[in-house]
Amino acid sequence: MILKTSRLTLRHWSVDDAECLYHFAKNPHIGPVAGWPPHQSKQDSLNIIKTIFCRDECYAVVMDDVPIGCAELLLHPDGNHWWGEGSAELGYWIAEEFQGNGYATEACETLIKRAFDDLDVKQIYATFKQDNISSKRVLEKLGFEYYSQLNNIDYSGRAFREIAMKLEK
């Protein structure tokens, strides 16, 4: 599946993207804000492509043939199990040097349309760490509304407050 916007292409990840993914995902300002550790090697990135980014609705966000981020819909029962039947969870990140240009919003708008029009999704949830104001702004631009808060533990064992937002068809 290939999805297009006016500036971006959303396509499935390829093992050939490992070097580029590593370049962006090793940045300590990207992963930890989204809840995952910075990649430590190209092999680390390749493993993520093969095990995590291989899901049906996980897309490389591509500009000028370069993957600059990721956008994904986790369809129920994947994602947080408590979202329920007919739901999906939206996740996304954009490389630091490409942030602030509306790419996350643009990519996610395309996935939201796909979810509601093609995948029979009734509601979409998304979460962000309370301190991640940029992610909150993306979700607000997309029309998401506050749903709940929860305490969570990140990959390093540190506690954080997570905000859940919801968008209904």
N, C-alpha and C. Protein backbone atom coordinates (compact mmCIF):
# COMPACT_ATOMS: atom_id res chain seq x y z
N MET A 1 0.86 -1.18 0.00
CA MET A 1 0.00 0.00 0.00
C MET A 1 0.90 1.24 0.00
N ILE A 2 0.62 2.15 -0.89
CA ILE A 2 1.31 3.44 -0.94
C ILE A 2 0.26 4.52 -0.86
N LEU A 3 0.45 5.44 0.06
CA LEU A 3 -0.45 6.58 0.25
C LEU A 3 0.32 7.84 -0.08
N LYS A 4 -0.34 8.80 -0.71
CA LYS A 4 0.34 10.04 -1.10
C LYS A 4 -0.41 11.25 -0.57
N THR A 5 0.37 12.26 -0.20
CA THR A 5 -0.17 13.58 0.14
C THR A 5 0.46 14.55 -0.85
N SER A 6 0.23 15.82 -0.66
CA SER A 6 0.82 16.79 -1.58
C SER A 6 2.34 16.84 -1.47
N ARG A 7 2.90 16.51 -0.29
CA ARG A 7 4.35 16.61 -0.11
C ARG A 7 5.01 15.29 0.27
N LEU A 8 4.23 14.31 0.66
CA LEU A 8 4.79 13.10 1.24
C LEU A 8 4.27 11.84 0.57
N THR A 9 5.04 10.79 0.72
CA THR A 9 4.61 9.45 0.36
C THR A 9 4.67 8.61 1.63
N LEU A 10 3.64 7.84 1.87
CA LEU A 10 3.64 6.88 2.97
C LEU A 10 3.69 5.50 2.33
N ARG A 11 4.74 4.77 2.66
CA ARG A 11 4.93 3.44 2.09
C ARG A 11 5.47 2.53 3.18
N HIS A 12 5.40 1.24 2.93
CA HIS A 12 5.92 0.30 3.91
C HIS A 12 7.44 0.42 3.99
N TRP A 13 7.95 0.10 5.16
CA TRP A 13 9.39 0.13 5.39
C TRP A 13 10.07 -1.02 4.64
N SER A 14 11.29 -0.78 4.23
CA SER A 14 12.10 -1.78 3.54
C SER A 14 13.40 -1.99 4.32
N VAL A 15 13.99 -3.16 4.21
CA VAL A 15 15.28 -3.39 4.86
C VAL A 15 16.33 -2.40 4.31
N ASP A 16 16.11 -1.89 3.11
CA ASP A 16 17.02 -0.90 2.54
C ASP A 16 16.96 0.44 3.27
N ASP A 17 15.96 0.64 4.12
CA ASP A 17 15.80 1.89 4.87
C ASP A 17 16.59 1.89 6.18
N ALA A 18 17.25 0.80 6.51
CA ALA A 18 17.89 0.66 7.83
C ALA A 18 18.91 1.76 8.11
N GLU A 19 19.75 2.07 7.16
CA GLU A 19 20.78 3.11 7.36
C GLU A 19 20.14 4.46 7.64
N CYS A 20 19.15 4.81 6.85
CA CYS A 20 18.46 6.09 7.02
C CYS A 20 17.72 6.12 8.36
N LEU A 21 17.03 5.03 8.69
CA LEU A 21 16.34 4.97 9.97
C LEU A 21 17.33 5.16 11.12
N TYR A 22 18.44 4.47 11.05
CA TYR A 22 19.44 4.60 12.10
C TYR A 22 19.92 6.05 12.23
N HIS A 23 20.15 6.70 11.10
CA HIS A 23 20.61 8.10 11.12
C HIS A 23 19.67 8.98 11.95
N PHE A 24 18.37 8.81 11.76
CA PHE A 24 17.41 9.65 12.47
C PHE A 24 17.06 9.11 13.86
N ALA A 25 16.96 7.78 14.00
CA ALA A 25 16.47 7.19 15.25
C ALA A 25 17.54 7.08 16.33
N LYS A 26 18.79 7.35 16.00
CA LYS A 26 19.83 7.36 17.04
C LYS A 26 19.81 8.67 17.83
N ASN A 27 19.10 9.66 17.31
CA ASN A 27 19.00 10.97 17.96
C ASN A 27 18.29 10.82 19.31
N PRO A 28 18.93 11.22 20.40
CA PRO A 28 18.31 11.06 21.72
C PRO A 28 17.12 12.00 21.96
N HIS A 29 16.85 12.91 21.04
CA HIS A 29 15.68 13.78 21.17
C HIS A 29 14.43 13.21 20.51
N ILE A 30 14.55 12.07 19.85
CA ILE A 30 13.41 11.49 19.13
C ILE A 30 12.76 10.36 19.92
N GLY A 31 13.44 9.25 20.05
CA GLY A 31 12.85 8.06 20.67
C GLY A 31 12.34 8.25 22.09
N PRO A 32 13.16 8.76 22.98
CA PRO A 32 12.70 8.87 24.37
C PRO A 32 11.42 9.69 24.55
N VAL A 33 11.23 10.70 23.74
CA VAL A 33 10.00 11.50 23.82
C VAL A 33 8.80 10.66 23.40
N ALA A 34 9.03 9.74 22.45
CA ALA A 34 7.96 8.87 21.96
C ALA A 34 7.85 7.57 22.76
N GLY A 35 8.81 7.30 23.64
CA GLY A 35 8.72 6.13 24.49
C GLY A 35 9.62 4.97 24.10
N TRP A 36 10.57 5.18 23.21
CA TRP A 36 11.49 4.11 22.83
C TRP A 36 12.92 4.61 22.88
N PRO A 37 13.88 3.69 23.13
CA PRO A 37 15.28 4.11 23.26
C PRO A 37 15.89 4.47 21.91
N PRO A 38 16.87 5.37 21.91
CA PRO A 38 17.58 5.68 20.66
C PRO A 38 18.22 4.40 20.11
N HIS A 39 18.21 4.29 18.80
CA HIS A 39 18.85 3.13 18.17
C HIS A 39 20.35 3.21 18.36
N GLN A 40 20.96 2.06 18.59
CA GLN A 40 22.39 1.99 18.89
C GLN A 40 23.25 1.61 17.69
N SER A 41 22.63 1.09 16.62
CA SER A 41 23.38 0.65 15.45
C SER A 41 22.43 0.51 14.27
N LYS A 42 23.01 0.37 13.09
CA LYS A 42 22.21 0.08 11.90
C LYS A 42 21.48 -1.24 12.07
N GLN A 43 22.14 -2.22 12.70
CA GLN A 43 21.51 -3.52 12.95
C GLN A 43 20.28 -3.36 13.86
N ASP A 44 20.37 -2.49 14.83
CA ASP A 44 19.25 -2.18 15.72
C ASP A 44 18.06 -1.69 14.87
N SER A 45 18.33 -0.77 13.97
CA SER A 45 17.28 -0.22 13.10
C SER A 45 16.72 -1.30 12.17
N LEU A 46 17.59 -2.13 11.63
CA LEU A 46 17.15 -3.23 10.77
C LEU A 46 16.22 -4.17 11.54
N ASN A 47 16.56 -4.47 12.76
CA ASN A 47 15.71 -5.34 13.59
C ASN A 47 14.34 -4.71 13.83
N ILE A 48 14.31 -3.40 14.05
CA ILE A 48 13.03 -2.71 14.24
C ILE A 48 12.20 -2.79 12.97
N ILE A 49 12.82 -2.60 11.81
CA ILE A 49 12.10 -2.70 10.54
C ILE A 49 11.50 -4.10 10.39
N LYS A 50 12.28 -5.12 10.73
CA LYS A 50 11.84 -6.51 10.54
C LYS A 50 10.80 -6.97 11.56
N THR A 51 10.79 -6.38 12.76
CA THR A 51 9.92 -6.88 13.82
C THR A 51 8.80 -5.94 14.23
N ILE A 52 9.00 -4.66 14.12
CA ILE A 52 8.00 -3.67 14.57
C ILE A 52 7.39 -2.94 13.37
N PHE A 53 8.24 -2.44 12.50
CA PHE A 53 7.76 -1.64 11.36
C PHE A 53 7.23 -2.50 10.22
N CYS A 54 7.06 -3.79 10.44
CA CYS A 54 6.57 -4.70 9.41
C CYS A 54 5.04 -4.86 9.47
N ARG A 55 4.39 -4.23 10.42
CA ARG A 55 2.94 -4.38 10.56
C ARG A 55 2.23 -3.74 9.36
N ASP A 56 1.03 -4.25 9.07
CA ASP A 56 0.29 -3.85 7.87
C ASP A 56 0.07 -2.35 7.74
N GLU A 57 -0.20 -1.68 8.82
CA GLU A 57 -0.53 -0.24 8.76
C GLU A 57 0.58 0.63 9.33
N CYS A 58 1.82 0.18 9.19
CA CYS A 58 2.99 0.96 9.61
C CYS A 58 3.68 1.48 8.35
N TYR A 59 3.88 2.79 8.28
CA TYR A 59 4.39 3.42 7.07
C TYR A 59 5.61 4.30 7.35
N ALA A 60 6.56 4.23 6.45
CA ALA A 60 7.64 5.20 6.43
C ALA A 60 7.05 6.49 5.85
N VAL A 61 7.32 7.60 6.51
CA VAL A 61 6.92 8.91 5.98
C VAL A 61 8.09 9.39 5.14
N VAL A 62 7.88 9.47 3.83
CA VAL A 62 8.97 9.69 2.88
C VAL A 62 8.82 11.02 2.17
N MET A 63 9.93 11.75 2.12
CA MET A 63 9.99 13.00 1.36
C MET A 63 11.22 12.92 0.47
N ASP A 64 11.03 13.15 -0.82
CA ASP A 64 12.14 13.08 -1.78
C ASP A 64 12.91 11.77 -1.65
N ASP A 65 12.19 10.67 -1.57
CA ASP A 65 12.74 9.31 -1.48
C ASP A 65 13.51 9.02 -0.19
N VAL A 66 13.39 9.88 0.82
CA VAL A 66 14.08 9.69 2.10
C VAL A 66 13.05 9.50 3.20
N PRO A 67 13.08 8.37 3.92
CA PRO A 67 12.18 8.20 5.06
C PRO A 67 12.58 9.17 6.19
N ILE A 68 11.68 10.08 6.52
CA ILE A 68 11.97 11.10 7.54
C ILE A 68 11.19 10.85 8.83
N GLY A 69 10.44 9.77 8.87
CA GLY A 69 9.66 9.47 10.05
C GLY A 69 8.80 8.26 9.84
N CYS A 70 7.85 8.08 10.75
CA CYS A 70 7.00 6.91 10.74
C CYS A 70 5.60 7.31 11.20
N ALA A 71 4.59 6.70 10.61
CA ALA A 71 3.21 6.88 11.05
C ALA A 71 2.54 5.51 10.99
N GLU A 72 1.75 5.20 12.03
CA GLU A 72 1.19 3.86 12.11
C GLU A 72 -0.19 3.87 12.76
N LEU A 73 -1.01 2.96 12.28
CA LEU A 73 -2.28 2.64 12.92
C LEU A 73 -2.16 1.24 13.49
N LEU A 74 -2.33 1.11 14.77
CA LEU A 74 -2.40 -0.21 15.40
C LEU A 74 -3.89 -0.54 15.55
N LEU A 75 -4.35 -1.50 14.78
CA LEU A 75 -5.75 -1.87 14.80
C LEU A 75 -6.04 -2.82 15.95
N HIS A 76 -7.19 -2.68 16.58
CA HIS A 76 -7.58 -3.54 17.68
C HIS A 76 -7.51 -4.99 17.22
N PRO A 77 -6.90 -5.91 17.95
CA PRO A 77 -6.53 -5.84 19.35
C PRO A 77 -5.08 -5.42 19.60
N ASP A 78 -4.33 -5.03 18.56
CA ASP A 78 -2.98 -4.52 18.79
C ASP A 78 -3.07 -3.16 19.48
N GLY A 79 -1.95 -2.64 19.93
CA GLY A 79 -1.98 -1.38 20.67
C GLY A 79 -2.46 -1.62 22.08
N ASN A 80 -2.93 -0.58 22.71
CA ASN A 80 -3.45 -0.70 24.08
C ASN A 80 -4.75 -1.51 24.03
N HIS A 81 -4.78 -2.61 24.74
CA HIS A 81 -5.91 -3.53 24.69
C HIS A 81 -7.22 -2.91 25.16
N TRP A 82 -7.16 -1.87 25.96
CA TRP A 82 -8.38 -1.31 26.52
C TRP A 82 -9.08 -0.33 25.60
N TRP A 83 -8.56 -0.10 24.38
CA TRP A 83 -9.29 0.80 23.47
C TRP A 83 -10.59 0.18 23.00
N GLY A 84 -10.60 -1.12 22.76
CA GLY A 84 -11.85 -1.79 22.41
C GLY A 84 -12.04 -2.06 20.92
N GLU A 85 -13.05 -2.86 20.64
CA GLU A 85 -13.39 -3.27 19.28
C GLU A 85 -13.71 -2.05 18.40
N GLY A 86 -13.30 -2.10 17.14
CA GLY A 86 -13.57 -1.00 16.21
C GLY A 86 -12.66 0.20 16.39
N SER A 87 -11.58 0.00 17.15
CA SER A 87 -10.69 1.12 17.43
C SER A 87 -9.31 0.89 16.84
N ALA A 88 -8.55 1.96 16.79
CA ALA A 88 -7.15 1.92 16.37
C ALA A 88 -6.37 2.89 17.23
N GLU A 89 -5.08 2.67 17.29
CA GLU A 89 -4.19 3.59 17.99
C GLU A 89 -3.25 4.20 16.96
N LEU A 90 -3.12 5.50 16.98
CA LEU A 90 -2.26 6.23 16.06
C LEU A 90 -0.93 6.53 16.73
N GLY A 91 0.15 6.23 16.03
CA GLY A 91 1.49 6.57 16.50
C GLY A 91 2.26 7.23 15.38
N TYR A 92 3.21 8.09 15.73
CA TYR A 92 3.97 8.81 14.71
C TYR A 92 5.21 9.42 15.31
N TRP A 93 6.20 9.67 14.48
CA TRP A 93 7.35 10.48 14.83
C TRP A 93 7.96 11.01 13.53
N ILE A 94 8.58 12.16 13.63
CA ILE A 94 9.28 12.80 12.51
C ILE A 94 10.67 13.15 12.99
N ALA A 95 11.67 12.93 12.13
CA ALA A 95 13.05 13.25 12.47
C ALA A 95 13.17 14.72 12.89
N GLU A 96 14.03 14.96 13.86
CA GLU A 96 14.14 16.28 14.46
C GLU A 96 14.36 17.39 13.43
N GLU A 97 15.21 17.15 12.44
CA GLU A 97 15.50 18.21 11.47
C GLU A 97 14.34 18.52 10.53
N PHE A 98 13.28 17.70 10.57
CA PHE A 98 12.11 17.92 9.72
C PHE A 98 10.88 18.35 10.51
N GLN A 99 11.02 18.47 11.82
CA GLN A 99 9.89 18.86 12.65
C GLN A 99 9.53 20.33 12.43
N GLY A 100 8.29 20.65 12.73
CA GLY A 100 7.83 22.03 12.62
C GLY A 100 7.36 22.43 11.23
N ASN A 101 7.23 21.45 10.34
CA ASN A 101 6.80 21.73 8.97
C ASN A 101 5.44 21.13 8.64
N GLY A 102 4.76 20.57 9.62
CA GLY A 102 3.45 19.99 9.41
C GLY A 102 3.45 18.59 8.82
N TYR A 103 4.62 17.94 8.75
CA TYR A 103 4.68 16.61 8.14
C TYR A 103 3.94 15.56 8.97
N ALA A 104 4.06 15.61 10.28
CA ALA A 104 3.35 14.64 11.13
C ALA A 104 1.85 14.79 10.94
N THR A 105 1.37 16.01 10.96
CA THR A 105 -0.06 16.27 10.78
C THR A 105 -0.53 15.77 9.42
N GLU A 106 0.23 16.07 8.39
CA GLU A 106 -0.12 15.67 7.03
C GLU A 106 -0.16 14.15 6.88
N ALA A 107 0.85 13.48 7.41
CA ALA A 107 0.89 12.01 7.32
C ALA A 107 -0.27 11.40 8.10
N CYS A 108 -0.52 11.92 9.30
CA CYS A 108 -1.57 11.36 10.15
C CYS A 108 -2.96 11.62 9.57
N GLU A 109 -3.17 12.76 8.94
CA GLU A 109 -4.46 13.02 8.28
C GLU A 109 -4.77 11.93 7.27
N THR A 110 -3.76 11.51 6.54
CA THR A 110 -3.92 10.47 5.52
C THR A 110 -4.27 9.13 6.17
N LEU A 111 -3.60 8.80 7.28
CA LEU A 111 -3.91 7.54 7.96
C LEU A 111 -5.29 7.57 8.61
N ILE A 112 -5.68 8.70 9.13
CA ILE A 112 -7.01 8.83 9.74
C ILE A 112 -8.08 8.61 8.67
N LYS A 113 -7.91 9.22 7.52
CA LYS A 113 -8.86 9.02 6.42
C LYS A 113 -8.92 7.55 6.04
N ARG A 114 -7.76 6.91 5.94
CA ARG A 114 -7.72 5.48 5.61
C ARG A 114 -8.46 4.67 6.68
N ALA A 115 -8.21 4.97 7.94
CA ALA A 115 -8.85 4.22 9.03
C ALA A 115 -10.37 4.31 8.96
N PHE A 116 -10.88 5.51 8.80
CA PHE A 116 -12.32 5.71 8.79
C PHE A 116 -12.98 5.25 7.49
N ASP A 117 -12.32 5.48 6.36
CA ASP A 117 -12.93 5.17 5.06
C ASP A 117 -12.73 3.72 4.61
N ASP A 118 -11.57 3.14 4.93
CA ASP A 118 -11.23 1.83 4.36
C ASP A 118 -11.14 0.70 5.38
N LEU A 119 -10.90 1.01 6.65
CA LEU A 119 -10.61 -0.04 7.63
C LEU A 119 -11.71 -0.23 8.66
N ASP A 120 -12.83 0.44 8.49
CA ASP A 120 -13.99 0.29 9.38
C ASP A 120 -13.68 0.63 10.83
N VAL A 121 -12.77 1.58 11.03
CA VAL A 121 -12.45 2.05 12.38
C VAL A 121 -13.48 3.10 12.79
N LYS A 122 -13.92 3.03 14.02
CA LYS A 122 -14.93 3.96 14.54
C LYS A 122 -14.33 5.06 15.40
N GLN A 123 -13.23 4.72 16.10
CA GLN A 123 -12.54 5.71 16.91
C GLN A 123 -11.04 5.43 16.90
N ILE A 124 -10.29 6.52 16.99
CA ILE A 124 -8.82 6.41 17.00
C ILE A 124 -8.33 7.08 18.27
N TYR A 125 -7.42 6.39 18.94
CA TYR A 125 -6.80 6.91 20.15
C TYR A 125 -5.34 7.21 19.86
N ALA A 126 -4.78 8.11 20.62
CA ALA A 126 -3.35 8.41 20.55
C ALA A 126 -2.92 8.88 21.92
N THR A 127 -1.68 8.59 22.27
CA THR A 127 -1.16 9.03 23.55
C THR A 127 0.14 9.78 23.35
N PHE A 128 0.46 10.60 24.33
CA PHE A 128 1.74 11.31 24.33
C PHE A 128 2.18 11.54 25.77
N LYS A 129 3.49 11.64 25.95
CA LYS A 129 4.01 11.99 27.27
C LYS A 129 3.58 13.42 27.57
N GLN A 130 3.20 13.66 28.80
CA GLN A 130 2.65 14.96 29.20
C GLN A 130 3.55 16.13 28.78
N ASP A 131 4.85 15.94 28.80
CA ASP A 131 5.78 17.01 28.45
C ASP A 131 5.95 17.21 26.95
N ASN A 132 5.41 16.33 26.13
CA ASN A 132 5.60 16.40 24.68
C ASN A 132 4.53 17.31 24.06
N ILE A 133 4.74 18.60 24.20
CA ILE A 133 3.77 19.60 23.72
C ILE A 133 3.62 19.55 22.20
N SER A 134 4.69 19.25 21.48
CA SER A 134 4.61 19.17 20.01
C SER A 134 3.62 18.09 19.58
N SER A 135 3.69 16.94 20.22
CA SER A 135 2.77 15.85 19.88
C SER A 135 1.34 16.24 20.24
N LYS A 136 1.17 16.89 21.35
CA LYS A 136 -0.17 17.36 21.74
C LYS A 136 -0.74 18.29 20.67
N ARG A 137 0.09 19.20 20.16
CA ARG A 137 -0.38 20.15 19.12
C ARG A 137 -0.78 19.41 17.85
N VAL A 138 -0.01 18.40 17.47
CA VAL A 138 -0.36 17.61 16.27
C VAL A 138 -1.74 17.01 16.45
N LEU A 139 -1.97 16.38 17.59
CA LEU A 139 -3.26 15.73 17.83
C LEU A 139 -4.40 16.74 17.87
N GLU A 140 -4.18 17.89 18.46
CA GLU A 140 -5.23 18.92 18.49
C GLU A 140 -5.55 19.41 17.07
N LYS A 141 -4.53 19.59 16.24
CA LYS A 141 -4.76 19.99 14.84
C LYS A 141 -5.59 18.95 14.10
N LEU A 142 -5.41 17.69 14.46
CA LEU A 142 -6.13 16.60 13.81
C LEU A 142 -7.55 16.43 14.34
N GLY A 143 -7.90 17.17 15.38
CA GLY A 143 -9.25 17.11 15.93
C GLY A 143 -9.42 16.17 17.12
N PHE A 144 -8.33 15.62 17.63
CA PHE A 144 -8.41 14.75 18.81
C PHE A 144 -8.80 15.56 20.03
N GLU A 145 -9.52 14.91 20.94
CA GLU A 145 -9.91 15.54 22.19
C GLU A 145 -9.42 14.71 23.36
N TYR A 146 -9.22 15.39 24.48
CA TYR A 146 -8.75 14.73 25.70
C TYR A 146 -9.65 13.55 26.04
N TYR A 147 -9.02 12.42 26.44
CA TYR A 147 -9.77 11.23 26.82
C TYR A 147 -9.46 10.82 28.27
N SER A 148 -8.16 10.67 28.60
CA SER A 148 -7.80 10.28 29.96
C SER A 148 -6.30 10.48 30.19
N GLN A 149 -5.90 10.24 31.43
CA GLN A 149 -4.49 10.28 31.81
C GLN A 149 -4.16 8.97 32.50
N LEU A 150 -2.92 8.57 32.38
CA LEU A 150 -2.48 7.40 33.10
C LEU A 150 -1.01 7.54 33.44
N ASN A 151 -0.61 6.84 34.46
CA ASN A 151 0.80 6.78 34.81
C ASN A 151 1.38 5.58 34.10
N ASN A 152 2.58 5.74 33.56
CA ASN A 152 3.19 4.68 32.79
C ASN A 152 4.67 4.60 33.15
N ILE A 153 5.33 3.58 32.65
CA ILE A 153 6.77 3.38 32.85
C ILE A 153 7.42 3.29 31.47
N ASP A 154 8.49 4.05 31.24
CA ASP A 154 9.15 3.99 29.93
C ASP A 154 10.14 2.84 29.85
N TYR A 155 10.80 2.73 28.71
CA TYR A 155 11.73 1.62 28.44
C TYR A 155 12.88 1.55 29.45
N SER A 156 13.19 2.68 30.11
CA SER A 156 14.30 2.69 31.07
C SER A 156 13.83 2.50 32.50
N GLY A 157 12.52 2.31 32.69
CA GLY A 157 11.99 2.09 34.02
C GLY A 157 11.54 3.36 34.73
N ARG A 158 11.61 4.51 34.06
CA ARG A 158 11.19 5.78 34.66
C ARG A 158 9.68 5.99 34.49
N ALA A 159 9.06 6.49 35.54
CA ALA A 159 7.63 6.78 35.51
C ALA A 159 7.38 8.08 34.75
N PHE A 160 6.26 8.13 34.06
CA PHE A 160 5.84 9.36 33.38
C PHE A 160 4.33 9.40 33.29
N ARG A 161 3.81 10.59 33.10
CA ARG A 161 2.37 10.80 32.92
C ARG A 161 2.09 10.78 31.42
N GLU A 162 1.11 9.95 31.03
CA GLU A 162 0.74 9.82 29.62
C GLU A 162 -0.68 10.36 29.45
N ILE A 163 -0.88 11.14 28.40
CA ILE A 163 -2.18 11.71 28.10
C ILE A 163 -2.76 10.95 26.91
N ALA A 164 -3.99 10.50 27.02
CA ALA A 164 -4.68 9.81 25.92
C ALA A 164 -5.70 10.75 25.31
N MET A 165 -5.74 10.76 23.98
CA MET A 165 -6.71 11.58 23.26
C MET A 165 -7.47 10.68 22.31
N LYS A 166 -8.65 11.15 21.90
CA LYS A 166 -9.55 10.31 21.09
C LYS A 166 -10.16 11.12 19.96
N LEU A 167 -10.33 10.45 18.82
CA LEU A 167 -11.00 11.02 17.65
C LEU A 167 -12.04 10.02 17.20
N GLU A 168 -13.28 10.48 17.02
CA GLU A 168 -14.33 9.60 16.57
C GLU A 168 -14.75 9.94 15.16
N LYS A 169 -15.21 8.91 14.46
CA LYS A 169 -15.64 9.07 13.07
C LYS A 169 -16.83 10.00 13.00
